[in-house]
Amino acid sequence: MRFSVTPEKQKQLETRMAACGLKEGDFEESFSASSGPGGQKANKTATCVTLLHRPSGIAVKMQKARSQSLNRYYARKRLCELMEAKLLGRESPAEMQREKIRRQKARRKRRSDKKSGDRE
């Protein structure tokens, strides 16, 4: 499978898919016209990608880019994120990032509350 990305990103995606247990043969891929900005070009070409992973039943619809091959890449990347969240739960990279941001916000709020308490 070739996408319009660098070979490094291609290799990272293949490694991530293998770690999640995703195989190209398990996908059902369909294309449709994208919606939103892009004008006549977006209305005439089928750049929106819908990717269904048959064993798990997870479906992803991607129309992030104007290019079909980039949308195919992004759809597979998103499917990997969803599978990691399903398999790893709280240990998934996305969940770890959310937790990190939550802690940062809590820390900022404590500092802000402490500063405003000093002024009063």
N, C-alpha and C. Protein backbone atom coordinates (compact mmCIF):
# COMPACT_ATOMS: atom_id res chain seq x y z
N MET A 1 0.84 -1.18 0.00
CA MET A 1 0.00 0.00 0.00
C MET A 1 0.88 1.24 0.00
N ARG A 2 0.68 2.17 -0.92
CA ARG A 2 1.44 3.41 -0.99
C ARG A 2 0.52 4.60 -0.75
N PHE A 3 0.96 5.52 0.09
CA PHE A 3 0.23 6.76 0.36
C PHE A 3 1.13 7.93 -0.01
N SER A 4 0.58 9.11 -0.05
CA SER A 4 1.34 10.32 -0.38
C SER A 4 2.02 10.89 0.86
N VAL A 5 2.77 10.05 1.55
CA VAL A 5 3.51 10.49 2.73
C VAL A 5 4.95 10.02 2.60
N THR A 6 5.80 10.51 3.48
CA THR A 6 7.21 10.12 3.45
C THR A 6 7.34 8.63 3.79
N PRO A 7 8.41 8.01 3.31
CA PRO A 7 8.61 6.58 3.64
C PRO A 7 8.69 6.32 5.14
N GLU A 8 9.18 7.29 5.91
CA GLU A 8 9.26 7.12 7.37
C GLU A 8 7.87 7.02 7.98
N LYS A 9 6.97 7.93 7.55
CA LYS A 9 5.59 7.89 8.07
C LYS A 9 4.89 6.62 7.63
N GLN A 10 5.17 6.18 6.41
CA GLN A 10 4.60 4.95 5.88
C GLN A 10 5.02 3.77 6.76
N LYS A 11 6.31 3.70 7.10
CA LYS A 11 6.85 2.62 7.92
C LYS A 11 6.27 2.67 9.33
N GLN A 12 6.13 3.89 9.90
CA GLN A 12 5.55 4.03 11.23
C GLN A 12 4.12 3.52 11.26
N LEU A 13 3.36 3.84 10.21
CA LEU A 13 1.97 3.39 10.14
C LEU A 13 1.90 1.87 10.05
N GLU A 14 2.75 1.27 9.22
CA GLU A 14 2.76 -0.19 9.07
C GLU A 14 3.12 -0.86 10.40
N THR A 15 4.09 -0.30 11.10
CA THR A 15 4.49 -0.85 12.41
C THR A 15 3.36 -0.73 13.41
N ARG A 16 2.71 0.42 13.42
CA ARG A 16 1.60 0.65 14.35
C ARG A 16 0.42 -0.28 14.05
N MET A 17 0.14 -0.49 12.76
CA MET A 17 -0.95 -1.39 12.37
C MET A 17 -0.63 -2.82 12.81
N ALA A 18 0.61 -3.24 12.64
CA ALA A 18 1.00 -4.58 13.04
C ALA A 18 0.88 -4.74 14.55
N ALA A 19 1.25 -3.71 15.31
CA ALA A 19 1.15 -3.77 16.77
C ALA A 19 -0.30 -3.88 17.23
N CYS A 20 -1.21 -3.27 16.47
CA CYS A 20 -2.64 -3.30 16.82
C CYS A 20 -3.34 -4.55 16.27
N GLY A 21 -2.65 -5.30 15.44
CA GLY A 21 -3.24 -6.50 14.84
C GLY A 21 -4.13 -6.19 13.66
N LEU A 22 -3.87 -5.08 12.98
CA LEU A 22 -4.66 -4.70 11.81
C LEU A 22 -3.97 -5.17 10.54
N LYS A 23 -4.74 -5.81 9.65
CA LYS A 23 -4.20 -6.28 8.37
C LYS A 23 -5.02 -5.64 7.25
N GLU A 24 -4.36 -5.37 6.13
CA GLU A 24 -5.03 -4.77 4.97
C GLU A 24 -6.21 -5.61 4.49
N GLY A 25 -6.10 -6.92 4.60
CA GLY A 25 -7.17 -7.81 4.15
C GLY A 25 -8.45 -7.71 4.97
N ASP A 26 -8.35 -7.16 6.18
CA ASP A 26 -9.50 -7.04 7.08
C ASP A 26 -10.31 -5.78 6.82
N PHE A 27 -9.83 -4.90 5.93
CA PHE A 27 -10.49 -3.63 5.70
C PHE A 27 -11.48 -3.70 4.55
N GLU A 28 -12.56 -2.98 4.71
CA GLU A 28 -13.50 -2.75 3.60
C GLU A 28 -13.47 -1.24 3.38
N GLU A 29 -13.00 -0.83 2.21
CA GLU A 29 -12.77 0.58 1.94
C GLU A 29 -13.73 1.06 0.87
N SER A 30 -14.36 2.22 1.11
CA SER A 30 -15.24 2.82 0.10
C SER A 30 -14.96 4.31 0.02
N PHE A 31 -15.29 4.87 -1.12
CA PHE A 31 -14.99 6.28 -1.39
C PHE A 31 -16.26 7.01 -1.78
N SER A 32 -16.33 8.29 -1.38
CA SER A 32 -17.47 9.12 -1.76
C SER A 32 -16.99 10.56 -1.89
N ALA A 33 -17.85 11.41 -2.41
CA ALA A 33 -17.50 12.83 -2.56
C ALA A 33 -17.46 13.48 -1.18
N SER A 34 -16.46 14.31 -0.97
CA SER A 34 -16.34 15.02 0.30
C SER A 34 -17.34 16.16 0.36
N SER A 35 -17.59 16.64 1.56
CA SER A 35 -18.44 17.81 1.72
C SER A 35 -17.58 18.95 2.24
N GLY A 36 -18.11 20.13 2.27
CA GLY A 36 -17.39 21.27 2.81
C GLY A 36 -16.61 22.01 1.75
N PRO A 37 -15.62 22.82 2.18
CA PRO A 37 -14.87 23.66 1.24
C PRO A 37 -14.03 22.82 0.28
N GLY A 38 -13.68 23.42 -0.82
CA GLY A 38 -12.89 22.72 -1.83
C GLY A 38 -13.43 22.99 -3.21
N GLY A 39 -14.65 23.51 -3.27
CA GLY A 39 -15.23 23.92 -4.54
C GLY A 39 -15.58 22.76 -5.45
N GLN A 40 -15.54 23.06 -6.73
CA GLN A 40 -15.97 22.10 -7.74
C GLN A 40 -15.13 20.83 -7.71
N LYS A 41 -13.85 20.95 -7.47
CA LYS A 41 -12.96 19.79 -7.44
C LYS A 41 -13.42 18.79 -6.37
N ALA A 42 -13.74 19.29 -5.17
CA ALA A 42 -14.18 18.39 -4.09
C ALA A 42 -15.54 17.78 -4.41
N ASN A 43 -16.37 18.50 -5.12
CA ASN A 43 -17.70 17.99 -5.43
C ASN A 43 -17.67 16.90 -6.51
N LYS A 44 -16.66 16.94 -7.39
CA LYS A 44 -16.61 16.00 -8.52
C LYS A 44 -15.82 14.73 -8.24
N THR A 45 -14.87 14.79 -7.32
CA THR A 45 -14.02 13.62 -7.09
C THR A 45 -14.35 12.95 -5.77
N ALA A 46 -14.12 11.66 -5.72
CA ALA A 46 -14.42 10.86 -4.52
C ALA A 46 -13.19 10.83 -3.63
N THR A 47 -13.04 11.83 -2.77
CA THR A 47 -11.86 11.89 -1.90
C THR A 47 -12.16 11.47 -0.46
N CYS A 48 -13.41 11.39 -0.08
CA CYS A 48 -13.78 10.96 1.27
C CYS A 48 -13.62 9.44 1.38
N VAL A 49 -12.93 8.98 2.40
CA VAL A 49 -12.65 7.56 2.58
C VAL A 49 -13.41 7.03 3.79
N THR A 50 -14.13 5.93 3.60
CA THR A 50 -14.78 5.24 4.71
C THR A 50 -14.09 3.89 4.84
N LEU A 51 -13.53 3.63 6.01
CA LEU A 51 -12.76 2.42 6.24
C LEU A 51 -13.44 1.61 7.34
N LEU A 52 -13.78 0.38 7.04
CA LEU A 52 -14.44 -0.51 8.00
C LEU A 52 -13.52 -1.67 8.31
N HIS A 53 -13.24 -1.88 9.59
CA HIS A 53 -12.46 -3.04 10.02
C HIS A 53 -13.46 -4.13 10.35
N ARG A 54 -13.57 -5.12 9.48
CA ARG A 54 -14.61 -6.15 9.61
C ARG A 54 -14.57 -6.91 10.93
N PRO A 55 -13.41 -7.40 11.40
CA PRO A 55 -13.43 -8.18 12.65
C PRO A 55 -13.94 -7.42 13.87
N SER A 56 -13.60 -6.15 13.99
CA SER A 56 -14.02 -5.40 15.18
C SER A 56 -15.30 -4.60 14.94
N GLY A 57 -15.61 -4.32 13.68
CA GLY A 57 -16.81 -3.54 13.36
C GLY A 57 -16.59 -2.04 13.48
N ILE A 58 -15.35 -1.60 13.69
CA ILE A 58 -15.06 -0.17 13.82
C ILE A 58 -15.00 0.46 12.43
N ALA A 59 -15.72 1.56 12.26
CA ALA A 59 -15.73 2.28 10.99
C ALA A 59 -15.18 3.69 11.19
N VAL A 60 -14.41 4.17 10.22
CA VAL A 60 -13.81 5.50 10.26
C VAL A 60 -14.12 6.19 8.94
N LYS A 61 -14.58 7.43 9.03
CA LYS A 61 -14.83 8.23 7.83
C LYS A 61 -13.88 9.42 7.88
N MET A 62 -13.10 9.62 6.83
CA MET A 62 -12.07 10.65 6.84
C MET A 62 -12.15 11.51 5.58
N GLN A 63 -12.26 12.82 5.79
CA GLN A 63 -12.23 13.78 4.68
C GLN A 63 -11.39 14.99 5.07
N LYS A 64 -10.29 14.71 5.76
CA LYS A 64 -9.42 15.74 6.30
C LYS A 64 -8.65 16.48 5.20
N ALA A 65 -8.19 15.75 4.19
CA ALA A 65 -7.39 16.34 3.12
C ALA A 65 -8.17 16.32 1.80
N ARG A 66 -7.66 17.05 0.82
CA ARG A 66 -8.31 17.07 -0.49
C ARG A 66 -7.84 15.91 -1.37
N SER A 67 -6.85 15.19 -0.90
CA SER A 67 -6.28 14.07 -1.65
C SER A 67 -6.82 12.75 -1.10
N GLN A 68 -7.21 11.85 -2.02
CA GLN A 68 -7.74 10.56 -1.61
C GLN A 68 -6.68 9.72 -0.91
N SER A 69 -5.45 9.73 -1.43
CA SER A 69 -4.41 8.90 -0.82
C SER A 69 -4.05 9.38 0.59
N LEU A 70 -4.06 10.69 0.81
CA LEU A 70 -3.81 11.20 2.17
C LEU A 70 -4.95 10.82 3.10
N ASN A 71 -6.18 10.90 2.62
CA ASN A 71 -7.32 10.51 3.44
C ASN A 71 -7.27 9.02 3.78
N ARG A 72 -6.76 8.20 2.87
CA ARG A 72 -6.61 6.76 3.15
C ARG A 72 -5.59 6.57 4.27
N TYR A 73 -4.51 7.34 4.23
CA TYR A 73 -3.49 7.28 5.29
C TYR A 73 -4.07 7.71 6.63
N TYR A 74 -4.76 8.87 6.63
CA TYR A 74 -5.35 9.39 7.86
C TYR A 74 -6.39 8.44 8.44
N ALA A 75 -7.17 7.78 7.58
CA ALA A 75 -8.19 6.84 8.05
C ALA A 75 -7.54 5.66 8.76
N ARG A 76 -6.47 5.13 8.19
CA ARG A 76 -5.77 4.02 8.82
C ARG A 76 -5.13 4.44 10.13
N LYS A 77 -4.59 5.66 10.16
CA LYS A 77 -3.97 6.18 11.37
C LYS A 77 -5.01 6.32 12.48
N ARG A 78 -6.19 6.85 12.13
CA ARG A 78 -7.28 7.01 13.10
C ARG A 78 -7.78 5.65 13.61
N LEU A 79 -7.85 4.68 12.69
CA LEU A 79 -8.28 3.35 13.08
C LEU A 79 -7.29 2.74 14.08
N CYS A 80 -6.01 3.00 13.88
CA CYS A 80 -4.99 2.53 14.84
C CYS A 80 -5.21 3.16 16.21
N GLU A 81 -5.51 4.46 16.22
CA GLU A 81 -5.77 5.16 17.49
C GLU A 81 -6.96 4.53 18.21
N LEU A 82 -8.03 4.25 17.46
CA LEU A 82 -9.23 3.67 18.08
C LEU A 82 -8.96 2.25 18.60
N MET A 83 -8.19 1.48 17.83
CA MET A 83 -7.87 0.11 18.27
C MET A 83 -6.98 0.14 19.52
N GLU A 84 -6.01 1.07 19.55
CA GLU A 84 -5.16 1.20 20.73
C GLU A 84 -5.99 1.56 21.95
N ALA A 85 -6.94 2.47 21.77
CA ALA A 85 -7.81 2.87 22.88
C ALA A 85 -8.64 1.67 23.36
N LYS A 86 -9.08 0.86 22.42
CA LYS A 86 -9.90 -0.30 22.76
C LYS A 86 -9.06 -1.39 23.45
N LEU A 87 -7.86 -1.62 22.94
CA LEU A 87 -7.01 -2.69 23.47
C LEU A 87 -6.31 -2.29 24.76
N LEU A 88 -5.78 -1.07 24.81
CA LEU A 88 -4.95 -0.65 25.94
C LEU A 88 -5.71 0.11 27.01
N GLY A 89 -6.86 0.67 26.66
CA GLY A 89 -7.65 1.42 27.64
C GLY A 89 -6.91 2.66 28.11
N ARG A 90 -6.69 2.76 29.42
CA ARG A 90 -6.04 3.94 30.00
C ARG A 90 -4.56 4.05 29.65
N GLU A 91 -3.98 2.99 29.14
CA GLU A 91 -2.56 2.99 28.79
C GLU A 91 -2.31 3.40 27.34
N SER A 92 -3.36 3.72 26.58
CA SER A 92 -3.19 4.11 25.18
C SER A 92 -2.54 5.49 25.10
N PRO A 93 -1.78 5.76 24.03
CA PRO A 93 -1.10 7.05 23.89
C PRO A 93 -2.06 8.24 23.94
N ALA A 94 -3.22 8.13 23.33
CA ALA A 94 -4.18 9.23 23.33
C ALA A 94 -4.70 9.51 24.74
N GLU A 95 -4.97 8.46 25.49
CA GLU A 95 -5.48 8.62 26.85
C GLU A 95 -4.39 9.18 27.76
N MET A 96 -3.15 8.77 27.54
CA MET A 96 -2.03 9.30 28.33
C MET A 96 -1.87 10.80 28.07
N GLN A 97 -2.03 11.22 26.81
CA GLN A 97 -1.93 12.63 26.46
C GLN A 97 -3.05 13.43 27.12
N ARG A 98 -4.29 12.90 27.09
CA ARG A 98 -5.42 13.57 27.74
C ARG A 98 -5.17 13.74 29.24
N GLU A 99 -4.64 12.70 29.86
CA GLU A 99 -4.35 12.74 31.30
C GLU A 99 -3.27 13.78 31.60
N LYS A 100 -2.26 13.87 30.74
CA LYS A 100 -1.19 14.85 30.92
C LYS A 100 -1.75 16.28 30.86
N ILE A 101 -2.61 16.54 29.89
CA ILE A 101 -3.22 17.86 29.74
C ILE A 101 -4.12 18.17 30.93
N ARG A 102 -4.87 17.17 31.41
CA ARG A 102 -5.74 17.37 32.57
C ARG A 102 -4.92 17.77 33.80
N ARG A 103 -3.78 17.10 34.00
CA ARG A 103 -2.91 17.44 35.13
C ARG A 103 -2.33 18.84 35.00
N GLN A 104 -1.94 19.22 33.77
CA GLN A 104 -1.40 20.57 33.54
C GLN A 104 -2.45 21.63 33.87
N LYS A 105 -3.67 21.41 33.42
CA LYS A 105 -4.74 22.38 33.70
C LYS A 105 -5.02 22.48 35.20
N ALA A 106 -5.01 21.35 35.90
CA ALA A 106 -5.25 21.36 37.34
C ALA A 106 -4.13 22.13 38.04
N ARG A 107 -2.89 21.91 37.60
CA ARG A 107 -1.75 22.61 38.20
C ARG A 107 -1.86 24.12 37.97
N ARG A 108 -2.22 24.52 36.75
CA ARG A 108 -2.39 25.94 36.45
C ARG A 108 -3.49 26.56 37.29
N LYS A 109 -4.58 25.82 37.48
CA LYS A 109 -5.70 26.33 38.27
C LYS A 109 -5.28 26.52 39.73
N ARG A 110 -4.54 25.57 40.27
CA ARG A 110 -4.06 25.71 41.65
C ARG A 110 -3.16 26.93 41.80
N ARG A 111 -2.26 27.13 40.83
CA ARG A 111 -1.37 28.30 40.88
C ARG A 111 -2.17 29.60 40.80
N SER A 112 -3.16 29.62 39.90
CA SER A 112 -3.99 30.80 39.72
C SER A 112 -4.79 31.09 40.98
N ASP A 113 -5.37 30.05 41.56
CA ASP A 113 -6.15 30.22 42.80
C ASP A 113 -5.26 30.71 43.93
N LYS A 114 -4.04 30.20 43.98
CA LYS A 114 -3.11 30.60 45.02
C LYS A 114 -2.73 32.08 44.85
N LYS A 115 -2.50 32.49 43.59
CA LYS A 115 -2.15 33.90 43.32
C LYS A 115 -3.31 34.83 43.68
N SER A 116 -4.50 34.46 43.26
CA SER A 116 -5.66 35.32 43.56
C SER A 116 -5.96 35.34 45.06
N GLY A 117 -5.65 34.28 45.76
CA GLY A 117 -5.83 34.25 47.21
C GLY A 117 -4.84 35.16 47.92
N ASP A 118 -3.65 35.29 47.35
CA ASP A 118 -2.62 36.17 47.94
C ASP A 118 -3.00 37.64 47.79
N ARG A 119 -3.69 37.99 46.72
CA ARG A 119 -4.05 39.37 46.45
C ARG A 119 -5.18 39.85 47.35
N GLU A 120 -6.03 38.96 47.74
CA GLU A 120 -7.23 39.37 48.51
C GLU A 120 -6.94 39.65 49.94
